[in-house]
C-alpha atoms as a PDB file:
ATOM      1  CA  MET A   1      15.694  -4.378  16.309  1.00  0.00           C
ATOM      2  CA  LEU A   2      15.609  -0.444  16.295  1.00  0.00           C
ATOM      3  CA  GLN A   3      15.363  -0.773  20.390  1.00  0.00           C
ATOM      4  CA  LYS A   4      18.574  -3.120  20.134  1.00  0.00           C
ATOM      5  CA  SER A   5      20.599  -1.118  17.921  1.00  0.00           C
ATOM      6  CA  PHE A   6      20.118   1.592  20.290  1.00  0.00           C
ATOM      7  CA  GLN A   7      21.244  -0.096  23.342  1.00  0.00           C
ATOM      8  CA  GLU A   8      24.496  -1.497  21.439  1.00  0.00           C
ATOM      9  CA  VAL A   9      25.106   2.534  20.477  1.00  0.00           C
ATOM     10  CA  LYS A  10      24.709   3.450  23.996  1.00  0.00           C
ATOM     11  CA  SER A  11      26.805   0.608  25.708  1.00  0.00           C
ATOM     12  CA  ARG A  12      30.004   1.984  23.889  1.00  0.00           C
ATOM     13  CA  MET A  13      32.097   5.190  24.201  1.00  0.00           C
ATOM     14  CA  TRP A  14      32.223   7.230  21.301  1.00  0.00           C
ATOM     15  CA  LYS A  15      35.991   7.475  21.484  1.00  0.00           C
ATOM     16  CA  ASP A  16      36.498   3.843  21.062  1.00  0.00           C
ATOM     17  CA  LYS A  17      33.846   3.994  18.070  1.00  0.00           C
ATOM     18  CA  PHE A  18      35.535   6.374  16.339  1.00  0.00           C
ATOM     19  CA  GLU A  19      39.230   4.611  16.730  1.00  0.00           C
ATOM     20  CA  GLN A  20      37.356   1.335  15.349  1.00  0.00           C
ATOM     21  CA  GLU A  21      35.284   2.677  12.671  1.00  0.00           C
ATOM     22  CA  ASP A  22      37.660   1.656   9.970  1.00  0.00           C
ATOM     23  CA  ASP A  23      37.965  -2.032  11.374  1.00  0.00           C
ATOM     24  CA  GLU A  24      34.563  -2.649  12.013  1.00  0.00           C
ATOM     25  CA  ASP A  25      31.811  -3.987   9.725  1.00  0.00           C
ATOM     26  CA  THR A  26      29.348  -0.869   9.134  1.00  0.00           C
ATOM     27  CA  SER A  27      26.410  -3.782   8.797  1.00  0.00           C
ATOM     28  CA  SER A  28      26.970  -5.291  11.874  1.00  0.00           C
ATOM     29  CA  PHE A  29      23.321  -4.156  12.775  1.00  0.00           C
ATOM     30  CA  GLU A  30      20.344  -6.549  11.834  1.00  0.00           C
ATOM     31  CA  LYS A  31      18.723  -6.020   8.426  1.00  0.00           C
ATOM     32  CA  ILE A  32      14.670  -5.490   8.242  1.00  0.00           C
ATOM     33  CA  PRO A  33      13.508  -8.125   5.989  1.00  0.00           C
ATOM     34  CA  LEU A  34      11.593  -6.333   2.928  1.00  0.00           C
ATOM     35  CA  GLN A  35      11.023  -7.156  -0.589  1.00  0.00           C
ATOM     36  CA  ILE A  36      11.387  -4.496  -3.709  1.00  0.00           C
ATOM     37  CA  TRP A  37       9.207  -4.874  -6.845  1.00  0.00           C
ATOM     38  CA  ASN A  38      10.093  -2.911  -9.918  1.00  0.00           C
ATOM     39  CA  VAL A  39       6.633  -2.011 -11.744  1.00  0.00           C
ATOM     40  CA  SER A  40       8.374   0.877 -14.015  1.00  0.00           C
ATOM     41  CA  LYS A  41       9.548  -1.315 -16.384  1.00  0.00           C
ATOM     42  CA  PHE A  42       5.788  -2.184 -17.742  1.00  0.00           C
ATOM     43  CA  SER A  43       4.657   1.115 -17.259  1.00  0.00           C
ATOM     44  CA  SER A  44       4.654   4.813 -15.542  1.00  0.00           C
ATOM     45  CA  CYS A  45       3.601   4.439 -11.658  1.00  0.00           C
ATOM     46  CA  VAL A  46       2.468   7.563 -10.035  1.00  0.00           C
ATOM     47  CA  ASP A  47       0.414   5.928  -7.175  1.00  0.00           C
ATOM     48  CA  ALA A  48       0.329   2.033  -5.919  1.00  0.00           C
ATOM     49  CA  ALA A  49      -0.522  -0.222  -3.360  1.00  0.00           C
ATOM     50  CA  ILE A  50      -0.452  -3.894  -2.539  1.00  0.00           C
ATOM     51  CA  VAL A  51      -4.302  -5.234  -1.965  1.00  0.00           C
ATOM     52  CA  GLY A  52      -3.676  -8.464  -0.670  1.00  0.00           C
ATOM     53  CA  LEU A  53      -2.701 -12.059  -1.647  1.00  0.00           C
ATOM     54  CA  MET A  54      -3.349 -14.064  -4.619  1.00  0.00           C
ATOM     55  CA  PRO A  55      -3.026 -17.910  -5.858  1.00  0.00           C
ATOM     56  CA  PRO A  56       0.301 -18.729  -7.824  1.00  0.00           C
ATOM     57  CA  PRO A  57       0.537 -19.161 -10.994  1.00  0.00           C
ATOM     58  CA  LEU A  58      -0.527 -22.769 -12.282  1.00  0.00           C
ATOM     59  CA  LEU A  59       2.920 -24.257 -12.412  1.00  0.00           C
ATOM     60  CA  GLU A  60       3.601 -23.420  -8.954  1.00  0.00           C
ATOM     61  CA  LEU A  61       0.669 -24.742  -7.165  1.00  0.00           C
ATOM     62  CA  GLN A  62       3.044 -26.587  -4.355  1.00  0.00           C
ATOM     63  CA  SER A  63       5.358 -23.620  -3.890  1.00  0.00           C
ATOM     64  CA  SER A  64       5.358 -21.919  -0.311  1.00  0.00           C
ATOM     65  CA  GLN A  65       6.205 -18.612  -1.530  1.00  0.00           C
ATOM     66  CA  ARG A  66       3.515 -16.021  -1.060  1.00  0.00           C
ATOM     67  CA  HIS A  67       2.284 -13.923  -4.315  1.00  0.00           C
ATOM     68  CA  TYR A  68       0.573 -10.432  -3.636  1.00  0.00           C
ATOM     69  CA  CYS A  69      -1.690  -8.411  -6.136  1.00  0.00           C
ATOM     70  CA  ALA A  70      -0.580  -4.732  -6.694  1.00  0.00           C
ATOM     71  CA  ILE A  71      -2.617  -2.077  -8.249  1.00  0.00           C
ATOM     72  CA  THR A  72      -0.876   1.001  -9.995  1.00  0.00           C
ATOM     73  CA  VAL A  73      -2.189   4.136 -11.372  1.00  0.00           C
ATOM     74  CA  GLY A  74       0.010   6.127 -14.299  1.00  0.00           C
ATOM     75  CA  GLU A  75       0.267   7.920 -17.493  1.00  0.00           C
ATOM     76  CA  ASP A  76       0.910   5.059 -19.678  1.00  0.00           C
ATOM     77  CA  ALA A  77      -2.264   3.051 -18.282  1.00  0.00           C
ATOM     78  CA  VAL A  78      -5.176   4.385 -16.274  1.00  0.00           C
ATOM     79  CA  VAL A  79      -4.868   1.487 -13.809  1.00  0.00           C
ATOM     80  CA  SER A  80      -2.432  -2.021 -13.933  1.00  0.00           C
ATOM     81  CA  ALA A  81      -2.526  -4.973 -11.822  1.00  0.00           C
ATOM     82  CA  TYR A  82       0.556  -7.203 -11.266  1.00  0.00           C
ATOM     83  CA  ARG A  83       1.494 -10.169  -9.464  1.00  0.00           C
ATOM     84  CA  LEU A  84       4.364  -9.689  -6.928  1.00  0.00           C
ATOM     85  CA  SER A  85       6.187 -12.723  -5.795  1.00  0.00           C
ATOM     86  CA  GLU A  86       8.493 -13.158  -2.580  1.00  0.00           C
ATOM     87  CA  ASP A  87      12.012 -13.915  -4.526  1.00  0.00           C
ATOM     88  CA  ARG A  88      13.282 -14.277  -7.732  1.00  0.00           C
ATOM     89  CA  SER A  89      13.276 -17.984  -8.157  1.00  0.00           C
ATOM     90  CA  ARG A  90       9.649 -18.616  -7.859  1.00  0.00           C
ATOM     91  CA  SER A  91       9.076 -20.304 -11.446  1.00  0.00           C
ATOM     92  CA  LEU A  92       9.758 -23.961 -12.277  1.00  0.00           C
ATOM     93  CA  VAL A  93      12.142 -23.102 -15.167  1.00  0.00           C
ATOM     94  CA  GLY A  94      13.905 -20.228 -12.897  1.00  0.00           C
ATOM     95  CA  ALA A  95      14.329 -22.660  -9.857  1.00  0.00           C
ATOM     96  CA  ILE A  96      16.439 -25.011 -12.239  1.00  0.00           C
ATOM     97  CA  LEU A  97      18.576 -22.974 -13.958  1.00  0.00           C
ATOM     98  CA  SER A  98      19.533 -21.125 -10.775  1.00  0.00           C
ATOM     99  CA  ARG A  99      20.438 -24.605  -8.802  1.00  0.00           C
ATOM    100  CA  GLY A 100      22.102 -26.141 -12.330  1.00  0.00           C
ATOM    101  CA  VAL A 101      24.161 -22.691 -12.626  1.00  0.00           C
ATOM    102  CA  ALA A 102      25.166 -22.589  -9.099  1.00  0.00           C
ATOM    103  CA  ALA A 103      26.280 -26.240  -8.840  1.00  0.00           C
ATOM    104  CA  THR A 104      28.434 -26.003 -12.195  1.00  0.00           C
ATOM    105  CA  PHE A 105      30.133 -22.901 -10.821  1.00  0.00           C
ATOM    106  CA  SER A 106      30.509 -24.657  -7.152  1.00  0.00           C
ATOM    107  CA  THR A 107      32.337 -27.536  -9.368  1.00  0.00           C
ATOM    108  CA  ILE A 108      34.220 -25.583 -11.301  1.00  0.00           C
ATOM    109  CA  SER A 109      35.725 -23.248  -8.559  1.00  0.00           C
ATOM    110  CA  SER A 110      36.544 -26.395  -6.405  1.00  0.00           C
ATOM    111  CA  LEU A 111      38.541 -27.832  -9.714  1.00  0.00           C
ATOM    112  CA  SER A 112      40.615 -24.625 -10.437  1.00  0.00           C
ATOM    113  CA  LYS A 113      41.447 -24.664  -6.355  1.00  0.00           C
ATOM    114  CA  ILE A 114      43.195 -28.070  -6.768  1.00  0.00           C
ATOM    115  CA  LEU A 115      44.773 -27.524 -10.077  1.00  0.00           C
ATOM    116  CA  TRP A 116      46.141 -23.601  -9.279  1.00  0.00           C
ATOM    117  CA  ARG A 117      46.841 -23.902  -5.461  1.00  0.00           C
ATOM    118  CA  SER A 118      47.633 -20.684  -4.417  1.00  0.00           C
ATOM    119  CA  GLU A 119      48.282 -18.418  -0.949  1.00  0.00           C
ATOM    120  CA  PRO A 120      44.718 -17.701   0.369  1.00  0.00           C
ATOM    121  CA  SER A 121      44.442 -14.100   0.024  1.00  0.00           C
ATOM    122  CA  PRO A 122      43.307 -11.870   3.367  1.00  0.00           C
ATOM    123  CA  THR A 123      39.536 -11.638   3.746  1.00  0.00           C
ATOM    124  CA  LYS A 124      38.290  -8.209   3.226  1.00  0.00           C
ATOM    125  CA  LYS A 125      34.833  -7.255   4.243  1.00  0.00           C
ATOM    126  CA  SER A 126      32.779  -5.912   1.936  1.00  0.00           C
ATOM    127  CA  ARG A 127      29.916  -3.666   2.113  1.00  0.00           C
ATOM    128  CA  PRO A 128      26.441  -4.796   1.695  1.00  0.00           C
ATOM    129  CA  LYS A 129      24.904  -4.965  -1.745  1.00  0.00           C
ATOM    130  CA  PRO A 130      21.576  -3.230  -2.631  1.00  0.00           C
ATOM    131  CA  GLN A 131      18.789  -5.790  -2.741  1.00  0.00           C
ATOM    132  CA  ALA A 132      17.821  -7.291  -5.898  1.00  0.00           C
ATOM    133  CA  PHE A 133      14.141  -6.600  -6.962  1.00  0.00           C
ATOM    134  CA  ALA A 134      11.871  -9.409  -6.977  1.00  0.00           C
ATOM    135  CA  LYS A 135       9.766 -11.009  -9.863  1.00  0.00           C
ATOM    136  CA  THR A 136       7.070  -8.816 -10.950  1.00  0.00           C
ATOM    137  CA  SER A 137       4.376 -10.423 -13.506  1.00  0.00           C
ATOM    138  CA  PRO A 138       1.724  -8.034 -15.272  1.00  0.00           C
ATOM    139  CA  LEU A 139      -2.022  -9.506 -14.950  1.00  0.00           C
ATOM    140  CA  THR A 140      -3.789  -6.768 -16.966  1.00  0.00           C
ATOM    141  CA  CYS A 141      -4.187  -3.038 -17.344  1.00  0.00           C
ATOM    142  CA  LEU A 142      -6.843  -0.299 -18.631  1.00  0.00           C
ATOM    143  CA  LYS A 143      -5.288   1.966 -21.457  1.00  0.00           C
ATOM    144  CA  ASP A 144      -7.516   4.700 -22.687  1.00  0.00           C
ATOM    145  CA  SER A 145      -5.330   7.848 -24.010  1.00  0.00           C
ATOM    146  CA  PRO A 146      -5.167  10.853 -23.391  1.00  0.00           C
ATOM    147  CA  ARG A 147      -6.885   9.575 -19.708  1.00  0.00           C
ATOM    148  CA  LYS A 148      -4.251   9.243 -17.157  1.00  0.00           C
ATOM    149  CA  GLY A 149      -4.288   7.990 -13.753  1.00  0.00           C
ATOM    150  CA  GLU A 150      -3.767  10.399 -11.147  1.00  0.00           C
ATOM    151  CA  ARG A 151      -4.697   8.989  -7.379  1.00  0.00           C
ATOM    152  CA  LEU A 152      -5.489   5.647  -6.118  1.00  0.00           C
ATOM    153  CA  THR A 153      -7.440   5.292  -2.567  1.00  0.00           C
ATOM    154  CA  LEU A 154      -7.943   1.562  -1.079  1.00  0.00           C
ATOM    155  CA  SER A 155     -10.692   0.668   1.343  1.00  0.00           C
ATOM    156  CA  PRO A 156     -10.056  -0.856   4.636  1.00  0.00           C
ATOM    157  CA  SER A 157      -9.981  -4.459   3.561  1.00  0.00           C
ATOM    158  CA  GLY A 158      -8.219  -3.903   0.151  1.00  0.00           C
ATOM    159  CA  THR A 159     -11.532  -5.220  -1.791  1.00  0.00           C
ATOM    160  CA  LEU A 160     -12.115  -1.612  -3.447  1.00  0.00           C
ATOM    161  CA  ALA A 161      -9.997   1.105  -4.844  1.00  0.00           C
ATOM    162  CA  ALA A 162     -10.815   4.489  -6.001  1.00  0.00           C
ATOM    163  CA  ILE A 163      -8.941   5.774  -9.046  1.00  0.00           C
ATOM    164  CA  THR A 164      -9.177   9.301 -10.194  1.00  0.00           C
ATOM    165  CA  ASP A 165      -7.668  10.102 -13.746  1.00  0.00           C
ATOM    166  CA  SER A 166      -7.003  13.371 -15.579  1.00  0.00           C
ATOM    167  CA  LEU A 167     -10.307  13.561 -17.425  1.00  0.00           C
ATOM    168  CA  GLY A 168     -12.469  13.945 -13.955  1.00  0.00           C
ATOM    169  CA  ARG A 169     -13.427  10.344 -13.720  1.00  0.00           C
ATOM    170  CA  ILE A 170     -13.463   8.262 -10.616  1.00  0.00           C
ATOM    171  CA  LEU A 171     -13.554   4.559 -11.110  1.00  0.00           C
ATOM    172  CA  LEU A 172     -14.209   1.661  -8.430  1.00  0.00           C
ATOM    173  CA  LEU A 173     -12.355  -1.354  -8.915  1.00  0.00           C
ATOM    174  CA  ASP A 174     -12.992  -4.505  -7.297  1.00  0.00           C
ATOM    175  CA  THR A 175      -9.277  -5.656  -6.584  1.00  0.00           C
ATOM    176  CA  ARG A 176     -10.141  -9.303  -6.353  1.00  0.00           C
ATOM    177  CA  ALA A 177     -11.802  -9.803  -9.567  1.00  0.00           C
ATOM    178  CA  LEU A 178      -9.857  -6.789 -11.381  1.00  0.00           C
ATOM    179  CA  VAL A 179     -13.435  -5.330 -12.838  1.00  0.00           C
ATOM    180  CA  ALA A 180     -14.715  -1.974 -12.674  1.00  0.00           C
ATOM    181  CA  VAL A 181     -18.069  -1.602 -10.783  1.00  0.00           C
ATOM    182  CA  ARG A 182     -18.880   2.043 -10.697  1.00  0.00           C
ATOM    183  CA  LEU A 183     -17.949   5.172 -12.346  1.00  0.00           C
ATOM    184  CA  TRP A 184     -18.428   8.561 -11.953  1.00  0.00           C
ATOM    185  CA  LYS A 185     -17.817  11.483 -14.386  1.00  0.00           C
ATOM    186  CA  GLY A 186     -17.348  15.127 -14.076  1.00  0.00           C
ATOM    187  CA  TYR A 187     -15.103  15.208 -10.900  1.00  0.00           C
ATOM    188  CA  ARG A 188     -11.687  17.136 -12.040  1.00  0.00           C
ATOM    189  CA  ASP A 189      -9.059  17.491  -9.384  1.00  0.00           C
ATOM    190  CA  ALA A 190     -11.366  15.207  -6.777  1.00  0.00           C
ATOM    191  CA  SER A 191      -9.699  13.449  -3.994  1.00  0.00           C
ATOM    192  CA  CYS A 192     -11.265  10.333  -2.493  1.00  0.00           C
ATOM    193  CA  LEU A 193     -11.288   8.522   0.718  1.00  0.00           C
ATOM    194  CA  PHE A 194     -13.384   5.764   2.326  1.00  0.00           C
ATOM    195  CA  VAL A 195     -15.610   6.471   5.737  1.00  0.00           C
ATOM    196  CA  GLU A 196     -17.935   4.377   7.827  1.00  0.00           C
ATOM    197  CA  MET A 197     -21.600   5.922   8.465  1.00  0.00           C
ATOM    198  CA  LEU A 198     -23.999   4.847  10.690  1.00  0.00           C
ATOM    199  CA  ARG A 199     -26.725   2.924   9.194  1.00  0.00           C
ATOM    200  CA  ASN A 200     -29.674   3.927  11.385  1.00  0.00           C
ATOM    201  CA  LYS A 201     -29.959   7.398  12.766  1.00  0.00           C
ATOM    202  CA  ASP A 202     -32.832   6.405  15.207  1.00  0.00           C
ATOM    203  CA  LYS A 203     -30.072   4.537  17.404  1.00  0.00           C
ATOM    204  CA  SER A 204     -27.847   7.072  17.309  1.00  0.00           C
ATOM    205  CA  SER A 205     -30.369   9.825  18.704  1.00  0.00           C
ATOM    206  CA  SER A 206     -30.923   7.192  21.596  1.00  0.00           C
ATOM    207  CA  SER A 207     -30.116   7.755  25.174  1.00  0.00           C
ATOM    208  CA  SER A 208     -26.022   7.894  25.425  1.00  0.00           C
ATOM    209  CA  MET A 209     -26.139   5.564  27.951  1.00  0.00           C
ATOM    210  CA  HIS A 210     -27.260   2.947  25.959  1.00  0.00           C
ATOM    211  CA  LEU A 211     -24.808   3.772  22.745  1.00  0.00           C
ATOM    212  CA  ASP A 212     -23.087   0.206  21.621  1.00  0.00           C
ATOM    213  CA  TYR A 213     -22.122   0.678  18.281  1.00  0.00           C
ATOM    214  CA  THR A 214     -20.476  -2.477  16.480  1.00  0.00           C
ATOM    215  CA  LYS A 215     -19.025  -2.971  13.023  1.00  0.00           C
ATOM    216  CA  SER A 216     -22.290  -3.748  11.917  1.00  0.00           C
ATOM    217  CA  ASP A 217     -23.902  -0.530  12.548  1.00  0.00           C
ATOM    218  CA  TYR A 218     -21.775   1.138  10.097  1.00  0.00           C
ATOM    219  CA  CYS A 219     -21.644   0.561   6.273  1.00  0.00           C
ATOM    220  CA  LEU A 220     -18.965   1.424   3.963  1.00  0.00           C
ATOM    221  CA  CYS A 221     -18.801   4.675   1.853  1.00  0.00           C
ATOM    222  CA  LEU A 222     -16.822   6.992  -0.427  1.00  0.00           C
ATOM    223  CA  ALA A 223     -16.393  10.520   0.248  1.00  0.00           C
ATOM    224  CA  ILE A 224     -15.442  12.423  -2.775  1.00  0.00           C
ATOM    225  CA  HIS A 225     -14.213  16.117  -2.663  1.00  0.00           C
ATOM    226  CA  ALA A 226     -14.688  18.042  -5.747  1.00  0.00           C
ATOM    227  CA  PRO A 227     -13.018  21.568  -4.948  1.00  0.00           C
ATOM    228  CA  ARG A 228     -14.092  22.839  -8.534  1.00  0.00           C
ATOM    229  CA  LYS A 229     -17.694  22.192  -7.199  1.00  0.00           C
ATOM    230  CA  GLY A 230     -17.294  23.227  -3.761  1.00  0.00           C
ATOM    231  CA  ILE A 231     -18.535  20.042  -2.313  1.00  0.00           C
ATOM    232  CA  ILE A 232     -18.237  17.013  -0.621  1.00  0.00           C
ATOM    233  CA  GLU A 233     -20.385  13.985  -1.437  1.00  0.00           C
ATOM    234  CA  VAL A 234     -20.686  10.744   0.195  1.00  0.00           C
ATOM    235  CA  TRP A 235     -21.879   7.491  -1.704  1.00  0.00           C
ATOM    236  CA  GLN A 236     -22.912   3.952  -0.084  1.00  0.00           C
ATOM    237  CA  MET A 237     -20.488   1.485  -1.442  1.00  0.00           C
ATOM    238  CA  ARG A 238     -21.008  -0.508  -3.769  1.00  0.00           C
ATOM    239  CA  THR A 239     -23.643   0.627  -5.710  1.00  0.00           C
ATOM    240  CA  GLY A 240     -25.758   2.236  -3.381  1.00  0.00           C
ATOM    241  CA  PRO A 241     -26.884   5.954  -3.732  1.00  0.00           C
ATOM    242  CA  ARG A 242     -25.600   9.447  -2.361  1.00  0.00           C
ATOM    243  CA  LEU A 243     -25.870   9.781   1.250  1.00  0.00           C
ATOM    244  CA  LEU A 244     -25.172  13.493   1.788  1.00  0.00           C
ATOM    245  CA  THR A 245     -23.900  16.426   0.056  1.00  0.00           C
ATOM    246  CA  ILE A 246     -21.985  18.938   2.163  1.00  0.00           C
ATOM    247  CA  PRO A 247     -20.573  22.437   0.854  1.00  0.00           C
ATOM    248  CA  CYS A 248     -17.042  23.243   1.689  1.00  0.00           C
ATOM    249  CA  PRO A 249     -15.243  26.210   1.376  1.00  0.00           C
ATOM    250  CA  LYS A 250     -12.386  27.100  -1.443  1.00  0.00           C
ATOM    251  CA  GLY A 251      -8.826  25.899  -0.308  1.00  0.00           C
ATOM    252  CA  SER A 252     -10.310  22.907   1.620  1.00  0.00           C
ATOM    253  CA  ARG A 253      -9.328  19.300   1.824  1.00  0.00           C
ATOM    254  CA  ILE A 254     -10.297  16.267   3.064  1.00  0.00           C
ATOM    255  CA  LEU A 255      -7.672  14.017   5.320  1.00  0.00           C
ATOM    256  CA  GLN A 256      -7.739  10.795   7.205  1.00  0.00           C
ATOM    257  CA  PRO A 257      -4.893   9.676   9.893  1.00  0.00           C
ATOM    258  CA  SER A 258      -3.161   6.604   9.428  1.00  0.00           C
ATOM    259  CA  THR A 259      -4.533   5.018  12.619  1.00  0.00           C
ATOM    260  CA  ARG A 260      -7.913   5.128  14.177  1.00  0.00           C
ATOM    261  CA  PHE A 261      -8.477   7.605  16.804  1.00  0.00           C
ATOM    262  CA  SER A 262     -10.591   6.155  20.010  1.00  0.00           C
ATOM    263  CA  SER A 263     -14.344   6.327  19.635  1.00  0.00           C
ATOM    264  CA  SER A 264     -15.954   9.673  20.929  1.00  0.00           C
ATOM    265  CA  SER A 265     -18.224   7.814  22.894  1.00  0.00           C
ATOM    266  CA  ALA A 266     -16.783   5.837  26.022  1.00  0.00           C
ATOM    267  CA  PHE A 267     -20.188   3.408  25.547  1.00  0.00           C
ATOM    268  CA  SER A 268     -18.942   2.517  21.797  1.00  0.00           C
ATOM    269  CA  SER A 269     -17.271  -0.570  21.187  1.00  0.00           C
ATOM    270  CA  TYR A 270     -16.044   0.294  17.427  1.00  0.00           C
ATOM    271  CA  THR A 271     -13.968   2.885  16.147  1.00  0.00           C
ATOM    272  CA  PRO A 272     -15.240   3.698  12.743  1.00  0.00           C
ATOM    273  CA  LEU A 273     -13.047   4.820   9.872  1.00  0.00           C
ATOM    274  CA  GLU A 274     -13.662   8.760   9.782  1.00  0.00           C
ATOM    275  CA  VAL A 275     -12.569  11.471   7.704  1.00  0.00           C
ATOM    276  CA  TYR A 276     -11.903  15.188   8.528  1.00  0.00           C
ATOM    277  CA  LEU A 277     -12.446  18.515   6.743  1.00  0.00           C
ATOM    278  CA  PHE A 278      -9.608  20.638   7.001  1.00  0.00           C
ATOM    279  CA  ASN A 279     -10.251  24.479   5.999  1.00  0.00           C
ATOM    280  CA  GLY A 280      -7.469  26.058   4.561  1.00  0.00           C
ATOM    281  CA  ASP A 281      -8.688  29.571   5.341  1.00  0.00           C
ATOM    282  CA  SER A 282      -9.557  29.519   8.624  1.00  0.00           C
ATOM    283  CA  GLY A 283      -7.107  26.554  10.092  1.00  0.00           C
ATOM    284  CA  GLN A 284     -10.226  24.743  11.449  1.00  0.00           C
ATOM    285  CA  LEU A 285     -10.634  20.862  11.131  1.00  0.00           C
ATOM    286  CA  SER A 286     -13.848  19.376  11.606  1.00  0.00           C
ATOM    287  CA  VAL A 287     -15.193  15.666  11.232  1.00  0.00           C
ATOM    288  CA  LEU A 288     -17.575  14.593   8.648  1.00  0.00           C
ATOM    289  CA  ASN A 289     -21.014  13.734   9.893  1.00  0.00           C
ATOM    290  CA  ARG A 290     -21.589   9.811  10.644  1.00  0.00           C
ATOM    291  CA  HIS A 291     -25.213   9.699  11.028  1.00  0.00           C
ATOM    292  CA  ILE A 292     -27.060   9.056   7.663  1.00  0.00           C
ATOM    293  CA  GLY A 293     -30.495  10.256   7.446  1.00  0.00           C
END
């Protein structure tokens, strides 16, 4: 759609465009389909993520609409879960009301046109209205004042979420069952990122001509940067031990690109999820060690 818009703009002369700007509809281009949900009416939202699809409510088993599960963190609740629906008319009662009201309004409008005939007024193009919010239904929440949720990090599959709070705790949440599976304490101002580490160090030390790592050779881990301790810890998911402890200078940060870079080895068939350490003092960027001893 973006490419099509560019081609249409290039095909026009700027002079003609400025002369016809008042007559043309400003919404002539296609709109990207999207959905908007409002969760702030239930509790404050500092960070959020849509973790995947979920089944519909009991009265809507035959519905073709999709429902998503969203996780939020904020000041009112450490973590909250919501069901997000695709449109505003998901419920059975809502569908009946919306259709009934629409039919009634259409009938009244038709009768009024018959009774009061008038000259048709010239139609005027109106600007598109902002899209209305789709329906949001709260599922559960964890309130533990004065704890406040600060950051949320999602695993690649969306089945796990690491949540940091204002009291230095890190909560590992199972997003499918909506239950906490692990808790770390004493990590104030911490940041977390998921990373994949090689399971077998012997395989990694073999001849480079025979390297052929697959997804099964890696295990999912959580990298925790504790700036007050000056270390980075790597823990195996879900309930595994601590695998690495890496000292890091003050001012360091852990980073992760939005897309995975190609594998550093030409013989590897899988590109793992990596975490990079950025040294704010020297400007050096390095990748965390993938291999587990």
